[in-house]
Amino acid sequence: MEKTLIQLIKAVASKLHNSKLKRLGGKEMVLSLNCLKELLGLDNTEEAIIFTALFDRSCSGRSCDIDDIASYFDCTQLDIMEYVPVIKSLLKKGFIVQTNLSEYRIARQDYMVTN
């Protein structure tokens, strides 16, 4: 039986949450990230990784900044800074929105998955 989009995001999120962004190269994880990437029309697995974290946080009605994303993965803010181009790409494509448009500091900008 094929997984629904929500089931796929849930499966990926369970592996990403508190992962420290490590051990993401396993066969099951690669397959899940590739499926998610293709279902959503994303360009790469990095977009799928960040989208999943933001989607998981957005489900609770919360927007999140770089610190929140780092907390989700249990890694440092510096680790997440490498993903800023991915965040900008997701913004440009309309998958996420910045919720505090007046903030200019990248570390304090809040993001949320679009409806």
PDB file of N, CA and C in Angstrom:
ATOM      1  N   MET A   1       0.835  -1.190   0.000  1.00  0.00           N
ATOM      2  CA  MET A   1       0.000   0.000   0.000  1.00  0.00           C
ATOM      3  C   MET A   1       0.878   1.251   0.000  1.00  0.00           C
ATOM      4  N   GLU A   2       0.566   2.172  -0.873  1.00  0.00           N
ATOM      5  CA  GLU A   2       1.313   3.411  -0.983  1.00  0.00           C
ATOM      6  C   GLU A   2       0.931   4.368   0.149  1.00  0.00           C
ATOM      7  N   LYS A   3       1.932   5.073   0.685  1.00  0.00           N
ATOM      8  CA  LYS A   3       1.682   6.022   1.767  1.00  0.00           C
ATOM      9  C   LYS A   3       1.093   7.311   1.227  1.00  0.00           C
ATOM     10  N   THR A   4       0.224   7.916   2.043  1.00  0.00           N
ATOM     11  CA  THR A   4      -0.287   9.238   1.697  1.00  0.00           C
ATOM     12  C   THR A   4       0.820  10.260   1.974  1.00  0.00           C
ATOM     13  N   LEU A   5       0.629  11.471   1.499  1.00  0.00           N
ATOM     14  CA  LEU A   5       1.619  12.523   1.715  1.00  0.00           C
ATOM     15  C   LEU A   5       1.852  12.756   3.207  1.00  0.00           C
ATOM     16  N   ILE A   6       0.784  12.800   3.973  1.00  0.00           N
ATOM     17  CA  ILE A   6       0.918  13.035   5.422  1.00  0.00           C
ATOM     18  C   ILE A   6       1.660  11.874   6.083  1.00  0.00           C
ATOM     19  N   GLN A   7       1.366  10.649   5.689  1.00  0.00           N
ATOM     20  CA  GLN A   7       2.055   9.491   6.258  1.00  0.00           C
ATOM     21  C   GLN A   7       3.546   9.540   5.924  1.00  0.00           C
ATOM     22  N   LEU A   8       3.855   9.964   4.709  1.00  0.00           N
ATOM     23  CA  LEU A   8       5.251  10.079   4.298  1.00  0.00           C
ATOM     24  C   LEU A   8       5.970  11.163   5.090  1.00  0.00           C
ATOM     25  N   ILE A   9       5.340  12.319   5.242  1.00  0.00           N
ATOM     26  CA  ILE A   9       5.943  13.397   6.037  1.00  0.00           C
ATOM     27  C   ILE A   9       6.133  12.939   7.480  1.00  0.00           C
ATOM     28  N   LYS A  10       5.161  12.237   8.018  1.00  0.00           N
ATOM     29  CA  LYS A  10       5.253  11.735   9.395  1.00  0.00           C
ATOM     30  C   LYS A  10       6.418  10.752   9.540  1.00  0.00           C
ATOM     31  N   ALA A  11       6.593   9.870   8.576  1.00  0.00           N
ATOM     32  CA  ALA A  11       7.693   8.901   8.614  1.00  0.00           C
ATOM     33  C   ALA A  11       9.047   9.603   8.537  1.00  0.00           C
ATOM     34  N   VAL A  12       9.156  10.584   7.650  1.00  0.00           N
ATOM     35  CA  VAL A  12      10.403  11.333   7.516  1.00  0.00           C
ATOM     36  C   VAL A  12      10.663  12.145   8.783  1.00  0.00           C
ATOM     37  N   ALA A  13       9.629  12.794   9.301  1.00  0.00           N
ATOM     38  CA  ALA A  13       9.779  13.614  10.517  1.00  0.00           C
ATOM     39  C   ALA A  13      10.256  12.777  11.697  1.00  0.00           C
ATOM     40  N   SER A  14       9.758  11.556  11.820  1.00  0.00           N
ATOM     41  CA  SER A  14      10.157  10.707  12.949  1.00  0.00           C
ATOM     42  C   SER A  14      11.643  10.386  12.909  1.00  0.00           C
ATOM     43  N   LYS A  15      12.211  10.340  11.715  1.00  0.00           N
ATOM     44  CA  LYS A  15      13.648  10.073  11.583  1.00  0.00           C
ATOM     45  C   LYS A  15      14.491  11.349  11.695  1.00  0.00           C
ATOM     46  N   LEU A  16      13.929  12.479  11.283  1.00  0.00           N
ATOM     47  CA  LEU A  16      14.673  13.734  11.315  1.00  0.00           C
ATOM     48  C   LEU A  16      14.704  14.385  12.696  1.00  0.00           C
ATOM     49  N   HIS A  17      13.596  14.285  13.431  1.00  0.00           N
ATOM     50  CA  HIS A  17      13.491  14.950  14.732  1.00  0.00           C
ATOM     51  C   HIS A  17      14.588  14.435  15.659  1.00  0.00           C
ATOM     52  N   ASN A  18      15.355  15.347  16.210  1.00  0.00           N
ATOM     53  CA  ASN A  18      16.476  15.045  17.107  1.00  0.00           C
ATOM     54  C   ASN A  18      17.581  14.229  16.443  1.00  0.00           C
ATOM     55  N   SER A  19      17.684  14.283  15.132  1.00  0.00           N
ATOM     56  CA  SER A  19      18.677  13.486  14.401  1.00  0.00           C
ATOM     57  C   SER A  19      20.073  14.101  14.367  1.00  0.00           C
ATOM     58  N   LYS A  20      20.194  15.351  14.770  1.00  0.00           N
ATOM     59  CA  LYS A  20      21.440  16.110  14.642  1.00  0.00           C
ATOM     60  C   LYS A  20      21.883  16.178  13.179  1.00  0.00           C
ATOM     61  N   LEU A  21      20.935  15.931  12.258  1.00  0.00           N
ATOM     62  CA  LEU A  21      21.191  15.903  10.819  1.00  0.00           C
ATOM     63  C   LEU A  21      22.273  14.887  10.457  1.00  0.00           C
ATOM     64  N   LYS A  22      22.306  13.801  11.203  1.00  0.00           N
ATOM     65  CA  LYS A  22      23.266  12.722  10.977  1.00  0.00           C
ATOM     66  C   LYS A  22      22.527  11.469  10.524  1.00  0.00           C
ATOM     67  N   ARG A  23      23.237  10.571   9.911  1.00  0.00           N
ATOM     68  CA  ARG A  23      22.726   9.265   9.479  1.00  0.00           C
ATOM     69  C   ARG A  23      21.460   9.384   8.625  1.00  0.00           C
ATOM     70  N   LEU A  24      21.493  10.292   7.680  1.00  0.00           N
ATOM     71  CA  LEU A  24      20.351  10.488   6.794  1.00  0.00           C
ATOM     72  C   LEU A  24      20.542   9.761   5.468  1.00  0.00           C
ATOM     73  N   GLY A  25      21.627   8.992   5.361  1.00  0.00           N
ATOM     74  CA  GLY A  25      21.940   8.304   4.117  1.00  0.00           C
ATOM     75  C   GLY A  25      21.471   6.864   4.055  1.00  0.00           C
ATOM     76  N   GLY A  26      20.719   6.418   5.075  1.00  0.00           N
ATOM     77  CA  GLY A  26      20.211   5.050   5.062  1.00  0.00           C
ATOM     78  C   GLY A  26      19.227   4.826   3.922  1.00  0.00           C
ATOM     79  N   LYS A  27      19.137   3.582   3.479  1.00  0.00           N
ATOM     80  CA  LYS A  27      18.296   3.243   2.321  1.00  0.00           C
ATOM     81  C   LYS A  27      16.850   3.709   2.498  1.00  0.00           C
ATOM     82  N   GLU A  28      16.243   3.409   3.647  1.00  0.00           N
ATOM     83  CA  GLU A  28      14.844   3.784   3.891  1.00  0.00           C
ATOM     84  C   GLU A  28      14.669   5.300   3.916  1.00  0.00           C
ATOM     85  N   MET A  29      15.621   5.993   4.552  1.00  0.00           N
ATOM     86  CA  MET A  29      15.538   7.448   4.652  1.00  0.00           C
ATOM     87  C   MET A  29      15.707   8.095   3.283  1.00  0.00           C
ATOM     88  N   VAL A  30      16.667   7.635   2.516  1.00  0.00           N
ATOM     89  CA  VAL A  30      16.890   8.180   1.174  1.00  0.00           C
ATOM     90  C   VAL A  30      15.649   7.972   0.307  1.00  0.00           C
ATOM     91  N   LEU A  31      15.069   6.786   0.381  1.00  0.00           N
ATOM     92  CA  LEU A  31      13.868   6.483  -0.392  1.00  0.00           C
ATOM     93  C   LEU A  31      12.710   7.394   0.022  1.00  0.00           C
ATOM     94  N   SER A  32      12.512   7.554   1.327  1.00  0.00           N
ATOM     95  CA  SER A  32      11.433   8.412   1.829  1.00  0.00           C
ATOM     96  C   SER A  32      11.638   9.865   1.422  1.00  0.00           C
ATOM     97  N   LEU A  33      12.860  10.372   1.555  1.00  0.00           N
ATOM     98  CA  LEU A  33      13.141  11.757   1.175  1.00  0.00           C
ATOM     99  C   LEU A  33      12.955  11.958  -0.326  1.00  0.00           C
ATOM    100  N   ASN A  34      13.373  10.988  -1.117  1.00  0.00           N
ATOM    101  CA  ASN A  34      13.189  11.095  -2.572  1.00  0.00           C
ATOM    102  C   ASN A  34      11.712  11.065  -2.952  1.00  0.00           C
ATOM    103  N   CYS A  35      10.930  10.212  -2.286  1.00  0.00           N
ATOM    104  CA  CYS A  35       9.485  10.161  -2.552  1.00  0.00           C
ATOM    105  C   CYS A  35       8.836  11.496  -2.199  1.00  0.00           C
ATOM    106  N   LEU A  36       9.192  12.033  -1.040  1.00  0.00           N
ATOM    107  CA  LEU A  36       8.647  13.319  -0.603  1.00  0.00           C
ATOM    108  C   LEU A  36       9.040  14.418  -1.580  1.00  0.00           C
ATOM    109  N   LYS A  37      10.288  14.416  -1.974  1.00  0.00           N
ATOM    110  CA  LYS A  37      10.795  15.404  -2.936  1.00  0.00           C
ATOM    111  C   LYS A  37       9.984  15.354  -4.231  1.00  0.00           C
ATOM    112  N   GLU A  38       9.757  14.170  -4.732  1.00  0.00           N
ATOM    113  CA  GLU A  38       9.026  14.034  -5.995  1.00  0.00           C
ATOM    114  C   GLU A  38       7.546  14.368  -5.852  1.00  0.00           C
ATOM    115  N   LEU A  39       6.920  13.940  -4.754  1.00  0.00           N
ATOM    116  CA  LEU A  39       5.501  14.243  -4.547  1.00  0.00           C
ATOM    117  C   LEU A  39       5.239  15.738  -4.464  1.00  0.00           C
ATOM    118  N   LEU A  40       6.160  16.460  -3.825  1.00  0.00           N
ATOM    119  CA  LEU A  40       5.978  17.899  -3.651  1.00  0.00           C
ATOM    120  C   LEU A  40       6.575  18.715  -4.788  1.00  0.00           C
ATOM    121  N   GLY A  41       7.373  18.087  -5.628  1.00  0.00           N
ATOM    122  CA  GLY A  41       8.022  18.814  -6.710  1.00  0.00           C
ATOM    123  C   GLY A  41       9.188  19.658  -6.227  1.00  0.00           C
ATOM    124  N   LEU A  42       9.896  19.167  -5.227  1.00  0.00           N
ATOM    125  CA  LEU A  42      11.057  19.884  -4.696  1.00  0.00           C
ATOM    126  C   LEU A  42      12.283  19.568  -5.539  1.00  0.00           C
ATOM    127  N   ASP A  43      13.295  20.410  -5.467  1.00  0.00           N
ATOM    128  CA  ASP A  43      14.493  20.239  -6.287  1.00  0.00           C
ATOM    129  C   ASP A  43      15.494  19.239  -5.716  1.00  0.00           C
ATOM    130  N   ASN A  44      15.543  19.119  -4.376  1.00  0.00           N
ATOM    131  CA  ASN A  44      16.552  18.255  -3.766  1.00  0.00           C
ATOM    132  C   ASN A  44      16.101  17.768  -2.393  1.00  0.00           C
ATOM    133  N   THR A  45      16.868  16.857  -1.827  1.00  0.00           N
ATOM    134  CA  THR A  45      16.488  16.291  -0.528  1.00  0.00           C
ATOM    135  C   THR A  45      16.658  17.292   0.609  1.00  0.00           C
ATOM    136  N   GLU A  46      17.562  18.260   0.438  1.00  0.00           N
ATOM    137  CA  GLU A  46      17.719  19.286   1.471  1.00  0.00           C
ATOM    138  C   GLU A  46      16.420  20.077   1.629  1.00  0.00           C
ATOM    139  N   GLU A  47      15.748  20.372   0.509  1.00  0.00           N
ATOM    140  CA  GLU A  47      14.454  21.054   0.588  1.00  0.00           C
ATOM    141  C   GLU A  47      13.438  20.171   1.302  1.00  0.00           C
ATOM    142  N   ALA A  48      13.474  18.876   1.047  1.00  0.00           N
ATOM    143  CA  ALA A  48      12.548  17.955   1.713  1.00  0.00           C
ATOM    144  C   ALA A  48      12.814  17.908   3.215  1.00  0.00           C
ATOM    145  N   ILE A  49      14.068  17.959   3.605  1.00  0.00           N
ATOM    146  CA  ILE A  49      14.441  17.932   5.023  1.00  0.00           C
ATOM    147  C   ILE A  49      13.911  19.174   5.736  1.00  0.00           C
ATOM    148  N   ILE A  50      14.196  20.346   5.190  1.00  0.00           N
ATOM    149  CA  ILE A  50      13.756  21.594   5.825  1.00  0.00           C
ATOM    150  C   ILE A  50      12.240  21.728   5.765  1.00  0.00           C
ATOM    151  N   PHE A  51      11.633  21.368   4.646  1.00  0.00           N
ATOM    152  CA  PHE A  51      10.175  21.426   4.542  1.00  0.00           C
ATOM    153  C   PHE A  51       9.525  20.558   5.613  1.00  0.00           C
ATOM    154  N   THR A  52      10.049  19.361   5.823  1.00  0.00           N
ATOM    155  CA  THR A  52       9.473  18.445   6.822  1.00  0.00           C
ATOM    156  C   THR A  52       9.509  19.066   8.213  1.00  0.00           C
ATOM    157  N   ALA A  53      10.646  19.637   8.583  1.00  0.00           N
ATOM    158  CA  ALA A  53      10.758  20.262   9.909  1.00  0.00           C
ATOM    159  C   ALA A  53       9.772  21.423  10.054  1.00  0.00           C
ATOM    160  N   LEU A  54       9.694  22.265   9.029  1.00  0.00           N
ATOM    161  CA  LEU A  54       8.780  23.404   9.090  1.00  0.00           C
ATOM    162  C   LEU A  54       7.322  22.950   9.068  1.00  0.00           C
ATOM    163  N   PHE A  55       7.016  21.914   8.316  1.00  0.00           N
ATOM    164  CA  PHE A  55       5.653  21.377   8.279  1.00  0.00           C
ATOM    165  C   PHE A  55       5.273  20.826   9.657  1.00  0.00           C
ATOM    166  N   ASP A  56       6.171  20.070  10.261  1.00  0.00           N
ATOM    167  CA  ASP A  56       5.922  19.490  11.587  1.00  0.00           C
ATOM    168  C   ASP A  56       5.641  20.600  12.602  1.00  0.00           C
ATOM    169  N   ARG A  57       6.468  21.636  12.594  1.00  0.00           N
ATOM    170  CA  ARG A  57       6.267  22.765  13.515  1.00  0.00           C
ATOM    171  C   ARG A  57       5.000  23.558  13.171  1.00  0.00           C
ATOM    172  N   SER A  58       4.723  23.711  11.890  1.00  0.00           N
ATOM    173  CA  SER A  58       3.547  24.481  11.459  1.00  0.00           C
ATOM    174  C   SER A  58       2.243  23.795  11.844  1.00  0.00           C
ATOM    175  N   CYS A  59       2.270  22.476  11.957  1.00  0.00           N
ATOM    176  CA  CYS A  59       1.052  21.742  12.340  1.00  0.00           C
ATOM    177  C   CYS A  59       0.552  22.165  13.717  1.00  0.00           C
ATOM    178  N   SER A  60       1.450  22.649  14.555  1.00  0.00           N
ATOM    179  CA  SER A  60       1.046  23.114  15.882  1.00  0.00           C
ATOM    180  C   SER A  60       0.680  24.592  15.862  1.00  0.00           C
ATOM    181  N   GLY A  61       0.665  25.180  14.645  1.00  0.00           N
ATOM    182  CA  GLY A  61       0.284  26.581  14.527  1.00  0.00           C
ATOM    183  C   GLY A  61       1.410  27.537  14.835  1.00  0.00           C
ATOM    184  N   ARG A  62       2.630  27.022  14.904  1.00  0.00           N
ATOM    185  CA  ARG A  62       3.775  27.853  15.252  1.00  0.00           C
ATOM    186  C   ARG A  62       4.637  28.149  14.043  1.00  0.00           C
ATOM    187  N   SER A  63       5.160  29.343  14.012  1.00  0.00           N
ATOM    188  CA  SER A  63       6.202  29.649  13.039  1.00  0.00           C
ATOM    189  C   SER A  63       7.532  29.397  13.749  1.00  0.00           C
ATOM    190  N   CYS A  64       8.603  29.288  12.990  1.00  0.00           N
ATOM    191  CA  CYS A  64       9.879  29.039  13.658  1.00  0.00           C
ATOM    192  C   CYS A  64      11.022  29.756  12.952  1.00  0.00           C
ATOM    193  N   ASP A  65      12.009  30.083  13.744  1.00  0.00           N
ATOM    194  CA  ASP A  65      13.196  30.737  13.230  1.00  0.00           C
ATOM    195  C   ASP A  65      14.340  29.722  13.180  1.00  0.00           C
ATOM    196  N   ILE A  66      15.529  30.187  12.888  1.00  0.00           N
ATOM    197  CA  ILE A  66      16.698  29.309  12.773  1.00  0.00           C
ATOM    198  C   ILE A  66      16.927  28.540  14.080  1.00  0.00           C
ATOM    199  N   ASP A  67      16.760  29.200  15.209  1.00  0.00           N
ATOM    200  CA  ASP A  67      16.944  28.535  16.499  1.00  0.00           C
ATOM    201  C   ASP A  67      15.930  27.405  16.692  1.00  0.00           C
ATOM    202  N   ASP A  68      14.681  27.636  16.329  1.00  0.00           N
ATOM    203  CA  ASP A  68      13.652  26.599  16.446  1.00  0.00           C
ATOM    204  C   ASP A  68      13.965  25.405  15.542  1.00  0.00           C
ATOM    205  N   ILE A  69      14.441  25.687  14.330  1.00  0.00           N
ATOM    206  CA  ILE A  69      14.786  24.610  13.405  1.00  0.00           C
ATOM    207  C   ILE A  69      15.964  23.810  13.957  1.00  0.00           C
ATOM    208  N   ALA A  70      16.975  24.513  14.487  1.00  0.00           N
ATOM    209  CA  ALA A  70      18.123  23.838  15.099  1.00  0.00           C
ATOM    210  C   ALA A  70      17.673  22.973  16.268  1.00  0.00           C
ATOM    211  N   SER A  71      16.753  23.493  17.044  1.00  0.00           N
ATOM    212  CA  SER A  71      16.207  22.749  18.183  1.00  0.00           C
ATOM    213  C   SER A  71      15.481  21.491  17.716  1.00  0.00           C
ATOM    214  N   TYR A  72      14.743  21.603  16.622  1.00  0.00           N
ATOM    215  CA  TYR A  72      14.009  20.464  16.067  1.00  0.00           C
ATOM    216  C   TYR A  72      14.970  19.318  15.729  1.00  0.00           C
ATOM    217  N   PHE A  73      16.094  19.679  15.105  1.00  0.00           N
ATOM    218  CA  PHE A  73      17.071  18.669  14.713  1.00  0.00           C
ATOM    219  C   PHE A  73      18.064  18.330  15.826  1.00  0.00           C
ATOM    220  N   ASP A  74      18.036  19.100  16.923  1.00  0.00           N
ATOM    221  CA  ASP A  74      18.993  18.950  18.018  1.00  0.00           C
ATOM    222  C   ASP A  74      20.421  19.168  17.516  1.00  0.00           C
ATOM    223  N   CYS A  75      20.589  20.289  16.808  1.00  0.00           N
ATOM    224  CA  CYS A  75      21.914  20.653  16.320  1.00  0.00           C
ATOM    225  C   CYS A  75      22.127  22.141  16.599  1.00  0.00           C
ATOM    226  N   THR A  76      23.237  22.683  16.142  1.00  0.00           N
ATOM    227  CA  THR A  76      23.524  24.091  16.401  1.00  0.00           C
ATOM    228  C   THR A  76      22.892  24.988  15.330  1.00  0.00           C
ATOM    229  N   GLN A  77      22.745  26.249  15.663  1.00  0.00           N
ATOM    230  CA  GLN A  77      22.256  27.225  14.685  1.00  0.00           C
ATOM    231  C   GLN A  77      23.219  27.322  13.508  1.00  0.00           C
ATOM    232  N   LEU A  78      24.492  27.150  13.781  1.00  0.00           N
ATOM    233  CA  LEU A  78      25.495  27.199  12.719  1.00  0.00           C
ATOM    234  C   LEU A  78      25.273  26.066  11.713  1.00  0.00           C
ATOM    235  N   ASP A  79      24.869  24.890  12.200  1.00  0.00           N
ATOM    236  CA  ASP A  79      24.544  23.783  11.292  1.00  0.00           C
ATOM    237  C   ASP A  79      23.390  24.164  10.370  1.00  0.00           C
ATOM    238  N   ILE A  80      22.405  24.868  10.898  1.00  0.00           N
ATOM    239  CA  ILE A  80      21.233  25.247  10.111  1.00  0.00           C
ATOM    240  C   ILE A  80      21.550  26.390   9.159  1.00  0.00           C
ATOM    241  N   MET A  81      22.530  27.219   9.492  1.00  0.00           N
ATOM    242  CA  MET A  81      22.892  28.327   8.602  1.00  0.00           C
ATOM    243  C   MET A  81      23.292  27.810   7.214  1.00  0.00           C
ATOM    244  N   GLU A  82      23.799  26.576   7.142  1.00  0.00           N
ATOM    245  CA  GLU A  82      24.135  25.990   5.838  1.00  0.00           C
ATOM    246  C   GLU A  82      22.884  25.788   4.979  1.00  0.00           C
ATOM    247  N   TYR A  83      21.711  25.721   5.619  1.00  0.00           N
ATOM    248  CA  TYR A  83      20.456  25.486   4.921  1.00  0.00           C
ATOM    249  C   TYR A  83      19.713  26.773   4.568  1.00  0.00           C
ATOM    250  N   VAL A  84      20.290  27.936   4.837  1.00  0.00           N
ATOM    251  CA  VAL A  84      19.629  29.204   4.517  1.00  0.00           C
ATOM    252  C   VAL A  84      19.282  29.300   3.028  1.00  0.00           C
ATOM    253  N   PRO A  85      20.169  28.902   2.109  1.00  0.00           N
ATOM    254  CA  PRO A  85      19.769  28.937   0.688  1.00  0.00           C
ATOM    255  C   PRO A  85      18.561  28.032   0.395  1.00  0.00           C
ATOM    256  N   VAL A  86      18.451  26.933   1.107  1.00  0.00           N
ATOM    257  CA  VAL A  86      17.307  26.020   0.948  1.00  0.00           C
ATOM    258  C   VAL A  86      16.035  26.708   1.436  1.00  0.00           C
ATOM    259  N   ILE A  87      16.117  27.385   2.569  1.00  0.00           N
ATOM    260  CA  ILE A  87      14.973  28.118   3.111  1.00  0.00           C
ATOM    261  C   ILE A  87      14.541  29.204   2.120  1.00  0.00           C
ATOM    262  N   LYS A  88      15.516  29.926   1.586  1.00  0.00           N
ATOM    263  CA  LYS A  88      15.210  30.978   0.607  1.00  0.00           C
ATOM    264  C   LYS A  88      14.560  30.388  -0.651  1.00  0.00           C
ATOM    265  N   SER A  89      15.014  29.212  -1.059  1.00  0.00           N
ATOM    266  CA  SER A  89      14.431  28.549  -2.219  1.00  0.00           C
ATOM    267  C   SER A  89      12.981  28.146  -1.952  1.00  0.00           C
ATOM    268  N   LEU A  90      12.712  27.597  -0.771  1.00  0.00           N
ATOM    269  CA  LEU A  90      11.341  27.226  -0.403  1.00  0.00           C
ATOM    270  C   LEU A  90      10.443  28.455  -0.331  1.00  0.00           C
ATOM    271  N   LEU A  91      10.988  29.584   0.150  1.00  0.00           N
ATOM    272  CA  LEU A  91      10.248  30.854   0.171  1.00  0.00           C
ATOM    273  C   LEU A  91       9.889  31.288  -1.248  1.00  0.00           C
ATOM    274  N   LYS A  92      10.882  31.283  -2.114  1.00  0.00           N
ATOM    275  CA  LYS A  92      10.700  31.733  -3.486  1.00  0.00           C
ATOM    276  C   LYS A  92       9.655  30.884  -4.221  1.00  0.00           C
ATOM    277  N   LYS A  93       9.631  29.588  -3.928  1.00  0.00           N
ATOM    278  CA  LYS A  93       8.696  28.664  -4.580  1.00  0.00           C
ATOM    279  C   LYS A  93       7.304  28.693  -3.956  1.00  0.00           C
ATOM    280  N   GLY A  94       7.168  29.373  -2.808  1.00  0.00           N
ATOM    281  CA  GLY A  94       5.856  29.488  -2.178  1.00  0.00           C
ATOM    282  C   GLY A  94       5.479  28.348  -1.250  1.00  0.00           C
ATOM    283  N   PHE A  95       6.426  27.484  -0.894  1.00  0.00           N
ATOM    284  CA  PHE A  95       6.134  26.394   0.039  1.00  0.00           C
ATOM    285  C   PHE A  95       6.052  26.891   1.473  1.00  0.00           C
ATOM    286  N   ILE A  96       6.821  27.944   1.768  1.00  0.00           N
ATOM    287  CA  ILE A  96       6.808  28.532   3.099  1.00  0.00           C
ATOM    288  C   ILE A  96       6.668  30.044   2.959  1.00  0.00           C
ATOM    289  N   VAL A  97       6.299  30.689   4.063  1.00  0.00           N
ATOM    290  CA  VAL A  97       6.210  32.150   4.111  1.00  0.00           C
ATOM    291  C   VAL A  97       6.978  32.649   5.321  1.00  0.00           C
ATOM    292  N   GLN A  98       7.483  33.864   5.204  1.00  0.00           N
ATOM    293  CA  GLN A  98       8.089  34.517   6.354  1.00  0.00           C
ATOM    294  C   GLN A  98       6.976  35.259   7.071  1.00  0.00           C
ATOM    295  N   THR A  99       6.827  35.023   8.361  1.00  0.00           N
ATOM    296  CA  THR A  99       5.698  35.593   9.094  1.00  0.00           C
ATOM    297  C   THR A  99       6.010  36.933   9.754  1.00  0.00           C
ATOM    298  N   ASN A 100       7.272  37.288   9.865  1.00  0.00           N
ATOM    299  CA  ASN A 100       7.632  38.588  10.447  1.00  0.00           C
ATOM    300  C   ASN A 100       8.465  39.368   9.431  1.00  0.00           C
ATOM    301  N   LEU A 101       7.782  39.925   8.461  1.00  0.00           N
ATOM    302  CA  LEU A 101       8.442  40.555   7.317  1.00  0.00           C
ATOM    303  C   LEU A 101       9.328  41.743   7.672  1.00  0.00           C
ATOM    304  N   SER A 102       9.125  42.349   8.838  1.00  0.00           N
ATOM    305  CA  SER A 102       9.934  43.510   9.199  1.00  0.00           C
ATOM    306  C   SER A 102      11.308  43.105   9.754  1.00  0.00           C
ATOM    307  N   GLU A 103      11.504  41.828  10.045  1.00  0.00           N
ATOM    308  CA  GLU A 103      12.789  41.365  10.600  1.00  0.00           C
ATOM    309  C   GLU A 103      13.797  41.173   9.474  1.00  0.00           C
ATOM    310  N   TYR A 104      14.949  41.801   9.599  1.00  0.00           N
ATOM    311  CA  TYR A 104      15.965  41.694   8.553  1.00  0.00           C
ATOM    312  C   TYR A 104      17.082  40.711   8.918  1.00  0.00           C
ATOM    313  N   ARG A 105      17.250  40.389  10.204  1.00  0.00           N
ATOM    314  CA  ARG A 105      18.296  39.446  10.624  1.00  0.00           C
ATOM    315  C   ARG A 105      17.847  38.023  10.301  1.00  0.00           C
ATOM    316  N   ILE A 106      18.632  37.303   9.518  1.00  0.00           N
ATOM    317  CA  ILE A 106      18.254  35.975   9.046  1.00  0.00           C
ATOM    318  C   ILE A 106      17.976  35.011  10.204  1.00  0.00           C
ATOM    319  N   ALA A 107      18.707  35.124  11.283  1.00  0.00           N
ATOM    320  CA  ALA A 107      18.549  34.198  12.417  1.00  0.00           C
ATOM    321  C   ALA A 107      17.238  34.429  13.165  1.00  0.00           C
ATOM    322  N   ARG A 108      16.623  35.586  12.982  1.00  0.00           N
ATOM    323  CA  ARG A 108      15.390  35.900  13.699  1.00  0.00           C
ATOM    324  C   ARG A 108      14.155  35.909  12.811  1.00  0.00           C
ATOM    325  N   GLN A 109      14.328  35.622  11.533  1.00  0.00           N
ATOM    326  CA  GLN A 109      13.168  35.567  10.645  1.00  0.00           C
ATOM    327  C   GLN A 109      12.365  34.293  10.946  1.00  0.00           C
ATOM    328  N   ASP A 110      11.051  34.445  11.039  1.00  0.00           N
ATOM    329  CA  ASP A 110      10.166  33.320  11.329  1.00  0.00           C
ATOM    330  C   ASP A 110       9.527  32.812  10.046  1.00  0.00           C
ATOM    331  N   TYR A 111       9.399  31.482   9.968  1.00  0.00           N
ATOM    332  CA  TYR A 111       8.844  30.842   8.781  1.00  0.00           C
ATOM    333  C   TYR A 111       7.730  29.877   9.171  1.00  0.00           C
ATOM    334  N   MET A 112       6.832  29.669   8.219  1.00  0.00           N
ATOM    335  CA  MET A 112       5.717  28.732   8.408  1.00  0.00           C
ATOM    336  C   MET A 112       5.338  28.175   7.041  1.00  0.00           C
ATOM    337  N   VAL A 113       4.896  26.929   7.020  1.00  0.00           N
ATOM    338  CA  VAL A 113       4.435  26.325   5.773  1.00  0.00           C
ATOM    339  C   VAL A 113       3.147  27.006   5.350  1.00  0.00           C
ATOM    340  N   THR A 114       3.006  27.252   4.048  1.00  0.00           N
ATOM    341  CA  THR A 114       1.802  27.904   3.550  1.00  0.00           C
ATOM    342  C   THR A 114       0.594  26.956   3.649  1.00  0.00           C
ATOM    343  N   ASN A 115      -0.597  27.550   3.632  1.00  0.00           N
ATOM    344  CA  ASN A 115      -1.799  26.731   3.704  1.00  0.00           C
ATOM    345  C   ASN A 115      -1.905  25.829   2.489  1.00  0.00           C
TER     346      ASN A 115
END
